C-alpha atoms as a PDB file:
ATOM      1  CA  MET A   1     -20.389 -21.268   1.665  1.00  0.00           C
ATOM      2  CA  SER A   2     -22.570 -23.970   2.177  1.00  0.00           C
ATOM      3  CA  GLN A   3     -23.019 -27.841   0.820  1.00  0.00           C
ATOM      4  CA  PHE A   4     -25.640 -30.529   1.369  1.00  0.00           C
ATOM      5  CA  VAL A   5     -24.882 -32.952   4.140  1.00  0.00           C
ATOM      6  CA  TYR A   6     -27.142 -36.383   4.399  1.00  0.00           C
ATOM      7  CA  SER A   7     -27.985 -37.290   7.810  1.00  0.00           C
ATOM      8  CA  GLY A   8     -30.294 -40.393   8.404  1.00  0.00           C
ATOM      9  CA  THR A   9     -33.517 -40.276   7.590  1.00  0.00           C
ATOM     10  CA  ARG A  10     -33.155 -35.930   5.889  1.00  0.00           C
ATOM     11  CA  THR A  11     -30.368 -33.850   3.805  1.00  0.00           C
ATOM     12  CA  GLU A  12     -29.580 -30.768   4.816  1.00  0.00           C
ATOM     13  CA  LYS A  13     -28.465 -27.429   3.461  1.00  0.00           C
ATOM     14  CA  VAL A  14     -25.395 -26.569   6.324  1.00  0.00           C
ATOM     15  CA  ARG A  15     -22.834 -23.623   6.073  1.00  0.00           C
ATOM     16  CA  VAL A  16     -19.090 -25.099   6.043  1.00  0.00           C
ATOM     17  CA  ALA A  17     -15.905 -23.287   7.060  1.00  0.00           C
ATOM     18  CA  GLU A  18     -14.650 -21.070   4.628  1.00  0.00           C
ATOM     19  CA  VAL A  19     -10.951 -22.026   5.822  1.00  0.00           C
ATOM     20  CA  THR A  20      -8.206 -23.137   3.740  1.00  0.00           C
ATOM     21  CA  ALA A  21      -5.061 -24.496   3.985  1.00  0.00           C
ATOM     22  CA  LYS A  22      -3.579 -21.431   2.155  1.00  0.00           C
ATOM     23  CA  ARG A  23      -5.815 -18.824   4.441  1.00  0.00           C
ATOM     24  CA  LEU A  24      -4.054 -20.293   7.366  1.00  0.00           C
ATOM     25  CA  GLY A  25      -0.624 -19.607   5.892  1.00  0.00           C
ATOM     26  CA  GLU A  26      -1.720 -16.014   5.421  1.00  0.00           C
ATOM     27  CA  LEU A  27      -2.321 -15.580   8.776  1.00  0.00           C
ATOM     28  CA  GLN A  28       0.423 -17.080   9.613  1.00  0.00           C
ATOM     29  CA  ARG A  29       2.528 -14.300   7.162  1.00  0.00           C
ATOM     30  CA  GLY A  30       0.563 -11.283   9.093  1.00  0.00           C
ATOM     31  CA  VAL A  31       1.435 -12.421  12.737  1.00  0.00           C
ATOM     32  CA  PHE A  32       5.145 -12.955  11.730  1.00  0.00           C
ATOM     33  CA  ALA A  33       5.069  -9.643   9.869  1.00  0.00           C
ATOM     34  CA  VAL A  34       3.954  -7.665  13.092  1.00  0.00           C
ATOM     35  CA  LEU A  35       6.214  -9.726  14.928  1.00  0.00           C
ATOM     36  CA  LEU A  36       9.114  -9.051  12.763  1.00  0.00           C
ATOM     37  CA  ASP A  37       8.560  -5.643  14.479  1.00  0.00           C
ATOM     38  CA  HIS A  38       8.905  -6.550  17.965  1.00  0.00           C
ATOM     39  CA  PRO A  39      11.206  -8.743  18.501  1.00  0.00           C
ATOM     40  CA  GLU A  40      10.511  -8.822  21.996  1.00  0.00           C
ATOM     41  CA  GLY A  41       7.305 -10.443  21.562  1.00  0.00           C
ATOM     42  CA  ARG A  42       3.760  -9.151  22.050  1.00  0.00           C
ATOM     43  CA  ALA A  43       0.536 -10.242  23.964  1.00  0.00           C
ATOM     44  CA  ALA A  44      -1.529 -12.559  21.794  1.00  0.00           C
ATOM     45  CA  LYS A  45      -4.479 -10.040  21.778  1.00  0.00           C
ATOM     46  CA  ASP A  46      -2.454  -6.871  20.853  1.00  0.00           C
ATOM     47  CA  ALA A  47      -0.612  -9.280  17.800  1.00  0.00           C
ATOM     48  CA  ILE A  48      -3.900 -10.515  16.156  1.00  0.00           C
ATOM     49  CA  GLU A  49      -4.863  -6.583  17.059  1.00  0.00           C
ATOM     50  CA  ARG A  50      -2.493  -5.514  15.001  1.00  0.00           C
ATOM     51  CA  THR A  51      -2.210  -8.442  12.344  1.00  0.00           C
ATOM     52  CA  LYS A  52      -6.380  -7.206  11.070  1.00  0.00           C
ATOM     53  CA  PRO A  53      -5.174  -4.564   8.953  1.00  0.00           C
ATOM     54  CA  VAL A  54      -2.091  -6.627   7.275  1.00  0.00           C
ATOM     55  CA  VAL A  55      -3.983  -9.907   6.539  1.00  0.00           C
ATOM     56  CA  HIS A  56      -7.649  -8.362   5.762  1.00  0.00           C
ATOM     57  CA  PRO A  57     -10.480 -10.087   7.397  1.00  0.00           C
ATOM     58  CA  THR A  58     -13.158 -11.697   4.339  1.00  0.00           C
ATOM     59  CA  ASP A  59     -16.733 -11.279   5.892  1.00  0.00           C
ATOM     60  CA  PHE A  60     -16.545 -15.397   7.327  1.00  0.00           C
ATOM     61  CA  GLU A  61     -13.830 -14.143   9.101  1.00  0.00           C
ATOM     62  CA  LYS A  62     -15.636 -11.145  10.948  1.00  0.00           C
ATOM     63  CA  SER A  63     -18.570 -12.878  11.223  1.00  0.00           C
ATOM     64  CA  ALA A  64     -19.291 -14.591  14.750  1.00  0.00           C
ATOM     65  CA  TYR A  65     -19.873 -17.983  15.823  1.00  0.00           C
ATOM     66  CA  PRO A  66     -24.018 -19.103  16.098  1.00  0.00           C
ATOM     67  CA  LYS A  67     -23.545 -20.051  19.628  1.00  0.00           C
ATOM     68  CA  LYS A  68     -20.939 -17.264  20.891  1.00  0.00           C
ATOM     69  CA  PRO A  69     -23.003 -14.316  19.905  1.00  0.00           C
ATOM     70  CA  GLY A  70     -19.432 -11.062  19.979  1.00  0.00           C
ATOM     71  CA  ILE A  71     -16.389 -13.714  20.095  1.00  0.00           C
ATOM     72  CA  GLU A  72     -15.029 -13.158  16.325  1.00  0.00           C
ATOM     73  CA  ARG A  73     -14.067 -15.796  14.028  1.00  0.00           C
ATOM     74  CA  PHE A  74     -10.849 -14.220  12.855  1.00  0.00           C
ATOM     75  CA  ASN A  75      -9.318 -14.005  16.062  1.00  0.00           C
ATOM     76  CA  LYS A  76      -9.704 -17.578  16.924  1.00  0.00           C
ATOM     77  CA  MET A  77      -8.715 -18.516  13.508  1.00  0.00           C
ATOM     78  CA  VAL A  78      -4.921 -16.666  14.374  1.00  0.00           C
ATOM     79  CA  ARG A  79      -4.400 -18.220  17.948  1.00  0.00           C
ATOM     80  CA  PHE A  80      -5.601 -21.344  15.805  1.00  0.00           C
ATOM     81  CA  ALA A  81      -3.050 -21.009  12.897  1.00  0.00           C
ATOM     82  CA  THR A  82       0.283 -20.113  15.283  1.00  0.00           C
ATOM     83  CA  ILE A  83      -0.610 -23.459  17.396  1.00  0.00           C
ATOM     84  CA  ALA A  84       2.047 -24.326  15.249  1.00  0.00           C
ATOM     85  CA  PRO A  85       4.444 -22.007  15.012  1.00  0.00           C
ATOM     86  CA  ARG A  86       4.110 -21.576  18.722  1.00  0.00           C
ATOM     87  CA  GLU A  87       4.981 -25.410  19.472  1.00  0.00           C
ATOM     88  CA  SER A  88       7.763 -25.174  17.494  1.00  0.00           C
ATOM     89  CA  ARG A  89       8.994 -21.818  19.151  1.00  0.00           C
ATOM     90  CA  VAL A  90       8.742 -23.263  22.375  1.00  0.00           C
ATOM     91  CA  ASP A  91      11.255 -25.984  21.766  1.00  0.00           C
ATOM     92  CA  ASP A  92      13.737 -24.791  20.016  1.00  0.00           C
ATOM     93  CA  GLN A  93      14.264 -22.158  22.974  1.00  0.00           C
ATOM     94  CA  ARG A  94      14.380 -25.771  25.595  1.00  0.00           C
ATOM     95  CA  LYS A  95      17.556 -26.364  22.761  1.00  0.00           C
ATOM     96  CA  GLY A  96      18.781 -22.510  23.359  1.00  0.00           C
ATOM     97  CA  GLU A  97      18.553 -21.413  19.264  1.00  0.00           C
ATOM     98  CA  VAL A  98      17.732 -17.611  19.122  1.00  0.00           C
ATOM     99  CA  VAL A  99      14.527 -17.431  18.386  1.00  0.00           C
ATOM    100  CA  PRO A 100      14.129 -14.791  16.431  1.00  0.00           C
ATOM    101  CA  ASP A 101      17.183 -14.664  14.584  1.00  0.00           C
ATOM    102  CA  ARG A 102      16.571 -17.451  12.629  1.00  0.00           C
ATOM    103  CA  ARG A 103      12.895 -16.073  11.694  1.00  0.00           C
ATOM    104  CA  ARG A 104      14.364 -12.609  10.461  1.00  0.00           C
ATOM    105  CA  ALA A 105      16.812 -14.578   8.710  1.00  0.00           C
ATOM    106  CA  SER A 106      14.421 -17.028   6.574  1.00  0.00           C
ATOM    107  CA  GLY A 107      12.658 -14.516   5.205  1.00  0.00           C
ATOM    108  CA  ILE A 108       9.626 -15.691   7.405  1.00  0.00           C
END
């Protein structure tokens, strides 16, 4: 996806990230689906790899960052999409709640 942006004295065509709140939610649900089968937890790298067949990466997500070749966008997007749930889990653990049971009960 591209759009034109006016910057100072010229108009440039720039590539805009193809990330929506809906897509981030899909990525979160995919990670949770993987983690529900492993209540003891998973390493982030392993969980992300197991999420790919559940939530098929788009062409944009399969591409690498222009300034960082070899780093796939999908991996970074999943990591950033799961920051809030991870932080919430840490807070819940501090309160003494059992997080995996609560997730199962909520149907995530």
